[in-house]
PDB file of N, CA and C in Angstrom:
ATOM      1  N   MET A   1      23.983 -20.153  28.237  1.00  0.00           N
ATOM      2  CA  MET A   1      23.033 -19.855  27.198  1.00  0.00           C
ATOM      3  C   MET A   1      23.757 -19.753  25.861  1.00  0.00           C
ATOM      4  N   ARG A   2      23.183 -20.355  24.853  1.00  0.00           N
ATOM      5  CA  ARG A   2      23.798 -20.350  23.531  1.00  0.00           C
ATOM      6  C   ARG A   2      23.512 -19.029  22.830  1.00  0.00           C
ATOM      7  N   THR A   3      24.499 -18.522  22.115  1.00  0.00           N
ATOM      8  CA  THR A   3      24.342 -17.258  21.406  1.00  0.00           C
ATOM      9  C   THR A   3      24.434 -17.459  19.897  1.00  0.00           C
ATOM     10  N   GLU A   4      24.063 -18.633  19.440  1.00  0.00           N
ATOM     11  CA  GLU A   4      24.100 -18.936  18.013  1.00  0.00           C
ATOM     12  C   GLU A   4      23.087 -18.069  17.268  1.00  0.00           C
ATOM     13  N   LYS A   5      23.531 -17.468  16.173  1.00  0.00           N
ATOM     14  CA  LYS A   5      22.629 -16.657  15.360  1.00  0.00           C
ATOM     15  C   LYS A   5      22.179 -17.460  14.152  1.00  0.00           C
ATOM     16  N   ARG A   6      20.882 -17.386  13.875  1.00  0.00           N
ATOM     17  CA  ARG A   6      20.287 -18.084  12.732  1.00  0.00           C
ATOM     18  C   ARG A   6      19.314 -17.129  12.036  1.00  0.00           C
ATOM     19  N   PRO A   7      18.991 -17.401  10.773  1.00  0.00           N
ATOM     20  CA  PRO A   7      17.922 -16.635  10.123  1.00  0.00           C
ATOM     21  C   PRO A   7      16.620 -16.833  10.905  1.00  0.00           C
ATOM     22  N   VAL A   8      15.738 -15.838  10.857  1.00  0.00           N
ATOM     23  CA  VAL A   8      14.478 -15.894  11.596  1.00  0.00           C
ATOM     24  C   VAL A   8      13.326 -15.839  10.605  1.00  0.00           C
ATOM     25  N   ARG A   9      12.422 -16.805  10.707  1.00  0.00           N
ATOM     26  CA  ARG A   9      11.241 -16.852   9.858  1.00  0.00           C
ATOM     27  C   ARG A   9      10.011 -16.496  10.685  1.00  0.00           C
ATOM     28  N   VAL A  10       9.195 -15.628  10.094  1.00  0.00           N
ATOM     29  CA  VAL A  10       7.942 -15.209  10.721  1.00  0.00           C
ATOM     30  C   VAL A  10       6.878 -15.266   9.641  1.00  0.00           C
ATOM     31  N   GLY A  11       5.838 -16.049   9.870  1.00  0.00           N
ATOM     32  CA  GLY A  11       4.807 -16.195   8.844  1.00  0.00           C
ATOM     33  C   GLY A  11       5.396 -16.800   7.586  1.00  0.00           C
ATOM     34  N   LEU A  12       5.165 -16.160   6.449  1.00  0.00           N
ATOM     35  CA  LEU A  12       5.691 -16.654   5.181  1.00  0.00           C
ATOM     36  C   LEU A  12       7.038 -16.057   4.822  1.00  0.00           C
ATOM     37  N   GLY A  13       7.509 -15.087   5.614  1.00  0.00           N
ATOM     38  CA  GLY A  13       8.739 -14.389   5.280  1.00  0.00           C
ATOM     39  C   GLY A  13       9.891 -14.697   6.206  1.00  0.00           C
ATOM     40  N   GLU A  14      11.028 -14.092   5.885  1.00  0.00           N
ATOM     41  CA  GLU A  14      12.245 -14.241   6.676  1.00  0.00           C
ATOM     42  C   GLU A  14      12.793 -12.848   6.955  1.00  0.00           C
ATOM     43  N   LEU A  15      13.229 -12.602   8.195  1.00  0.00           N
ATOM     44  CA  LEU A  15      13.772 -11.304   8.551  1.00  0.00           C
ATOM     45  C   LEU A  15      15.128 -11.095   7.889  1.00  0.00           C
ATOM     46  N   SER A  16      15.529  -9.842   7.763  1.00  0.00           N
ATOM     47  CA  SER A  16      16.719  -9.502   6.985  1.00  0.00           C
ATOM     48  C   SER A  16      18.044  -9.869   7.642  1.00  0.00           C
ATOM     49  N   LYS A  17      18.082  -9.978   8.976  1.00  0.00           N
ATOM     50  CA  LYS A  17      19.355 -10.303   9.619  1.00  0.00           C
ATOM     51  C   LYS A  17      19.194 -11.463  10.587  1.00  0.00           C
ATOM     52  N   PRO A  18      20.228 -12.286  10.717  1.00  0.00           N
ATOM     53  CA  PRO A  18      20.191 -13.396  11.685  1.00  0.00           C
ATOM     54  C   PRO A  18      20.118 -12.867  13.109  1.00  0.00           C
ATOM     55  N   MET A  19      19.485 -13.656  13.989  1.00  0.00           N
ATOM     56  CA  MET A  19      19.319 -13.275  15.391  1.00  0.00           C
ATOM     57  C   MET A  19      19.560 -14.486  16.279  1.00  0.00           C
ATOM     58  N   THR A  20      19.802 -14.211  17.563  1.00  0.00           N
ATOM     59  CA  THR A  20      19.849 -15.279  18.553  1.00  0.00           C
ATOM     60  C   THR A  20      18.404 -15.651  18.897  1.00  0.00           C
ATOM     61  N   ARG A  21      18.227 -16.747  19.633  1.00  0.00           N
ATOM     62  CA  ARG A  21      16.887 -17.161  20.049  1.00  0.00           C
ATOM     63  C   ARG A  21      16.221 -16.069  20.895  1.00  0.00           C
ATOM     64  N   GLN A  22      16.974 -15.454  21.800  1.00  0.00           N
ATOM     65  CA  GLN A  22      16.431 -14.406  22.668  1.00  0.00           C
ATOM     66  C   GLN A  22      16.021 -13.179  21.851  1.00  0.00           C
ATOM     67  N   GLN A  23      16.830 -12.794  20.874  1.00  0.00           N
ATOM     68  CA  GLN A  23      16.481 -11.654  20.025  1.00  0.00           C
ATOM     69  C   GLN A  23      15.217 -11.948  19.222  1.00  0.00           C
ATOM     70  N   ALA A  24      15.090 -13.179  18.723  1.00  0.00           N
ATOM     71  CA  ALA A  24      13.896 -13.564  17.971  1.00  0.00           C
ATOM     72  C   ALA A  24      12.666 -13.516  18.865  1.00  0.00           C
ATOM     73  N   TRP A  25      12.803 -13.963  20.117  1.00  0.00           N
ATOM     74  CA  TRP A  25      11.681 -13.916  21.062  1.00  0.00           C
ATOM     75  C   TRP A  25      11.261 -12.468  21.325  1.00  0.00           C
ATOM     76  N   ARG A  26      12.252 -11.588  21.538  1.00  0.00           N
ATOM     77  CA  ARG A  26      11.932 -10.172  21.770  1.00  0.00           C
ATOM     78  C   ARG A  26      11.253  -9.560  20.552  1.00  0.00           C
ATOM     79  N   TYR A  27      11.706  -9.911  19.349  1.00  0.00           N
ATOM     80  CA  TYR A  27      11.059  -9.431  18.129  1.00  0.00           C
ATOM     81  C   TYR A  27       9.592  -9.870  18.119  1.00  0.00           C
ATOM     82  N   GLY A  28       9.340 -11.141  18.436  1.00  0.00           N
ATOM     83  CA  GLY A  28       7.982 -11.658  18.467  1.00  0.00           C
ATOM     84  C   GLY A  28       7.112 -10.954  19.485  1.00  0.00           C
ATOM     85  N   GLU A  29       7.664 -10.686  20.665  1.00  0.00           N
ATOM     86  CA  GLU A  29       6.917  -9.980  21.709  1.00  0.00           C
ATOM     87  C   GLU A  29       6.547  -8.570  21.260  1.00  0.00           C
ATOM     88  N   ARG A  30       7.490  -7.870  20.651  1.00  0.00           N
ATOM     89  CA  ARG A  30       7.244  -6.489  20.206  1.00  0.00           C
ATOM     90  C   ARG A  30       6.239  -6.413  19.070  1.00  0.00           C
ATOM     91  N   ASN A  31       6.181  -7.453  18.236  1.00  0.00           N
ATOM     92  CA  ASN A  31       5.348  -7.394  17.039  1.00  0.00           C
ATOM     93  C   ASN A  31       4.072  -8.225  17.115  1.00  0.00           C
ATOM     94  N   MET A  32       3.745  -8.765  18.292  1.00  0.00           N
ATOM     95  CA  MET A  32       2.503  -9.512  18.446  1.00  0.00           C
ATOM     96  C   MET A  32       1.329  -8.543  18.381  1.00  0.00           C
ATOM     97  N   SER A  33       0.294  -8.929  17.659  1.00  0.00           N
ATOM     98  CA  SER A  33      -0.869  -8.051  17.543  1.00  0.00           C
ATOM     99  C   SER A  33      -1.590  -7.946  18.891  1.00  0.00           C
ATOM    100  N   ARG A  34      -2.251  -6.839  19.076  1.00  0.00           N
ATOM    101  CA  ARG A  34      -2.976  -6.578  20.323  1.00  0.00           C
ATOM    102  C   ARG A  34      -4.054  -7.632  20.562  1.00  0.00           C
ATOM    103  N   SER A  35      -4.745  -8.040  19.492  1.00  0.00           N
ATOM    104  CA  SER A  35      -5.837  -9.014  19.651  1.00  0.00           C
ATOM    105  C   SER A  35      -5.311 -10.375  20.121  1.00  0.00           C
ATOM    106  N   LEU A  36      -4.144 -10.800  19.629  1.00  0.00           N
ATOM    107  CA  LEU A  36      -3.564 -12.064  20.103  1.00  0.00           C
ATOM    108  C   LEU A  36      -3.169 -11.954  21.571  1.00  0.00           C
ATOM    109  N   ARG A  37      -2.556 -10.842  21.939  1.00  0.00           N
ATOM    110  CA  ARG A  37      -2.131 -10.653  23.336  1.00  0.00           C
ATOM    111  C   ARG A  37      -3.336 -10.673  24.271  1.00  0.00           C
ATOM    112  N   GLN A  38      -4.421  -9.996  23.880  1.00  0.00           N
ATOM    113  CA  GLN A  38      -5.623  -9.965  24.713  1.00  0.00           C
ATOM    114  C   GLN A  38      -6.282 -11.340  24.814  1.00  0.00           C
ATOM    115  N   ALA A  39      -6.107 -12.169  23.793  1.00  0.00           N
ATOM    116  CA  ALA A  39      -6.689 -13.508  23.806  1.00  0.00           C
ATOM    117  C   ALA A  39      -5.828 -14.508  24.580  1.00  0.00           C
ATOM    118  N   GLY A  40      -4.677 -14.066  25.123  1.00  0.00           N
ATOM    119  CA  GLY A  40      -3.851 -14.933  25.955  1.00  0.00           C
ATOM    120  C   GLY A  40      -2.764 -15.690  25.220  1.00  0.00           C
ATOM    121  N   PHE A  41      -2.417 -15.275  24.022  1.00  0.00           N
ATOM    122  CA  PHE A  41      -1.364 -15.954  23.271  1.00  0.00           C
ATOM    123  C   PHE A  41       0.009 -15.546  23.788  1.00  0.00           C
ATOM    124  N   GLU A  42       1.003 -16.404  23.548  1.00  0.00           N
ATOM    125  CA  GLU A  42       2.390 -16.167  23.943  1.00  0.00           C
ATOM    126  C   GLU A  42       3.285 -16.309  22.731  1.00  0.00           C
ATOM    127  N   THR A  43       4.468 -15.702  22.802  1.00  0.00           N
ATOM    128  CA  THR A  43       5.468 -15.853  21.747  1.00  0.00           C
ATOM    129  C   THR A  43       6.247 -17.134  22.008  1.00  0.00           C
ATOM    130  N   ILE A  44       6.403 -17.942  20.972  1.00  0.00           N
ATOM    131  CA  ILE A  44       7.144 -19.194  21.058  1.00  0.00           C
ATOM    132  C   ILE A  44       8.171 -19.198  19.923  1.00  0.00           C
ATOM    133  N   VAL A  45       9.423 -19.510  20.245  1.00  0.00           N
ATOM    134  CA  VAL A  45      10.473 -19.573  19.234  1.00  0.00           C
ATOM    135  C   VAL A  45      10.891 -21.025  19.072  1.00  0.00           C
ATOM    136  N   PHE A  46      10.783 -21.509  17.856  1.00  0.00           N
ATOM    137  CA  PHE A  46      11.095 -22.887  17.492  1.00  0.00           C
ATOM    138  C   PHE A  46      12.455 -22.906  16.811  1.00  0.00           C
ATOM    139  N   ALA A  47      13.346 -23.800  17.239  1.00  0.00           N
ATOM    140  CA  ALA A  47      14.648 -23.986  16.602  1.00  0.00           C
ATOM    141  C   ALA A  47      14.552 -25.179  15.655  1.00  0.00           C
ATOM    142  N   SER A  48      14.862 -24.954  14.390  1.00  0.00           N
ATOM    143  CA  SER A  48      14.719 -26.002  13.372  1.00  0.00           C
ATOM    144  C   SER A  48      15.831 -27.038  13.465  1.00  0.00           C
ATOM    145  N   ASP A  49      15.624 -28.142  12.775  1.00  0.00           N
ATOM    146  CA  ASP A  49      16.605 -29.209  12.630  1.00  0.00           C
ATOM    147  C   ASP A  49      16.859 -29.367  11.132  1.00  0.00           C
ATOM    148  N   PRO A  50      18.118 -29.343  10.698  1.00  0.00           N
ATOM    149  CA  PRO A  50      18.370 -29.393   9.259  1.00  0.00           C
ATOM    150  C   PRO A  50      17.866 -30.666   8.580  1.00  0.00           C
ATOM    151  N   VAL A  51      17.859 -31.781   9.277  1.00  0.00           N
ATOM    152  CA  VAL A  51      17.399 -33.037   8.681  1.00  0.00           C
ATOM    153  C   VAL A  51      15.879 -33.037   8.521  1.00  0.00           C
ATOM    154  N   ILE A  52      15.180 -32.589   9.529  1.00  0.00           N
ATOM    155  CA  ILE A  52      13.721 -32.609   9.512  1.00  0.00           C
ATOM    156  C   ILE A  52      13.142 -31.418   8.754  1.00  0.00           C
ATOM    157  N   ASN A  53      13.692 -30.218   8.995  1.00  0.00           N
ATOM    158  CA  ASN A  53      13.119 -28.992   8.440  1.00  0.00           C
ATOM    159  C   ASN A  53      13.846 -28.441   7.219  1.00  0.00           C
ATOM    160  N   GLY A  54      14.950 -29.058   6.831  1.00  0.00           N
ATOM    161  CA  GLY A  54      15.656 -28.636   5.630  1.00  0.00           C
ATOM    162  C   GLY A  54      16.550 -27.428   5.794  1.00  0.00           C
ATOM    163  N   GLY A  55      16.842 -27.018   7.003  1.00  0.00           N
ATOM    164  CA  GLY A  55      17.729 -25.883   7.220  1.00  0.00           C
ATOM    165  C   GLY A  55      17.786 -25.489   8.680  1.00  0.00           C
ATOM    166  N   LEU A  56      18.728 -24.599   8.989  1.00  0.00           N
ATOM    167  CA  LEU A  56      18.871 -24.081  10.347  1.00  0.00           C
ATOM    168  C   LEU A  56      18.249 -22.693  10.403  1.00  0.00           C
ATOM    169  N   PHE A  57      17.245 -22.519  11.237  1.00  0.00           N
ATOM    170  CA  PHE A  57      16.596 -21.235  11.410  1.00  0.00           C
ATOM    171  C   PHE A  57      15.791 -21.243  12.696  1.00  0.00           C
ATOM    172  N   PHE A  58      15.377 -20.058  13.126  1.00  0.00           N
ATOM    173  CA  PHE A  58      14.423 -19.930  14.213  1.00  0.00           C
ATOM    174  C   PHE A  58      13.095 -19.521  13.599  1.00  0.00           C
ATOM    175  N   ARG A  59      11.998 -20.071  14.103  1.00  0.00           N
ATOM    176  CA  ARG A  59      10.659 -19.673  13.649  1.00  0.00           C
ATOM    177  C   ARG A  59       9.921 -19.067  14.830  1.00  0.00           C
ATOM    178  N   VAL A  60       9.353 -17.877  14.625  1.00  0.00           N
ATOM    179  CA  VAL A  60       8.558 -17.201  15.650  1.00  0.00           C
ATOM    180  C   VAL A  60       7.106 -17.567  15.432  1.00  0.00           C
ATOM    181  N   ASN A  61       6.483 -18.143  16.449  1.00  0.00           N
ATOM    182  CA  ASN A  61       5.067 -18.522  16.409  1.00  0.00           C
ATOM    183  C   ASN A  61       4.347 -17.900  17.601  1.00  0.00           C
ATOM    184  N   TYR A  62       3.035 -17.855  17.516  1.00  0.00           N
ATOM    185  CA  TYR A  62       2.213 -17.394  18.622  1.00  0.00           C
ATOM    186  C   TYR A  62       1.233 -18.509  18.957  1.00  0.00           C
ATOM    187  N   GLY A  63       1.143 -18.855  20.238  1.00  0.00           N
ATOM    188  CA  GLY A  63       0.241 -19.925  20.626  1.00  0.00           C
ATOM    189  C   GLY A  63      -0.138 -19.822  22.093  1.00  0.00           C
ATOM    190  N   LYS A  64      -1.027 -20.714  22.492  1.00  0.00           N
ATOM    191  CA  LYS A  64      -1.462 -20.784  23.880  1.00  0.00           C
ATOM    192  C   LYS A  64      -0.920 -22.068  24.500  1.00  0.00           C
ATOM    193  N   LYS A  65      -0.557 -21.985  25.761  1.00  0.00           N
ATOM    194  CA  LYS A  65      -0.148 -23.181  26.493  1.00  0.00           C
ATOM    195  C   LYS A  65      -1.380 -23.810  27.102  1.00  0.00           C
ATOM    196  N   CYS A  66      -1.444 -25.120  27.054  1.00  0.00           N
ATOM    197  CA  CYS A  66      -2.605 -25.833  27.615  1.00  0.00           C
ATOM    198  C   CYS A  66      -2.424 -26.079  29.090  1.00  0.00           C
TER     199      CYS A  66
END
């Protein structure tokens, strides 16, 4: 498992300290709203690509699997 730390973006903001992918996922799980959890949403962590996304970071999203 890779332990690379990157800045973490959530919504329109960025968290104050870099985290690993697992730490970002745990942050997302802890901070998911109750209504999203009840509706069946999951925490998803996206790893960016500097060429496509303009930088290296993790993005925390909430979504449903089909």
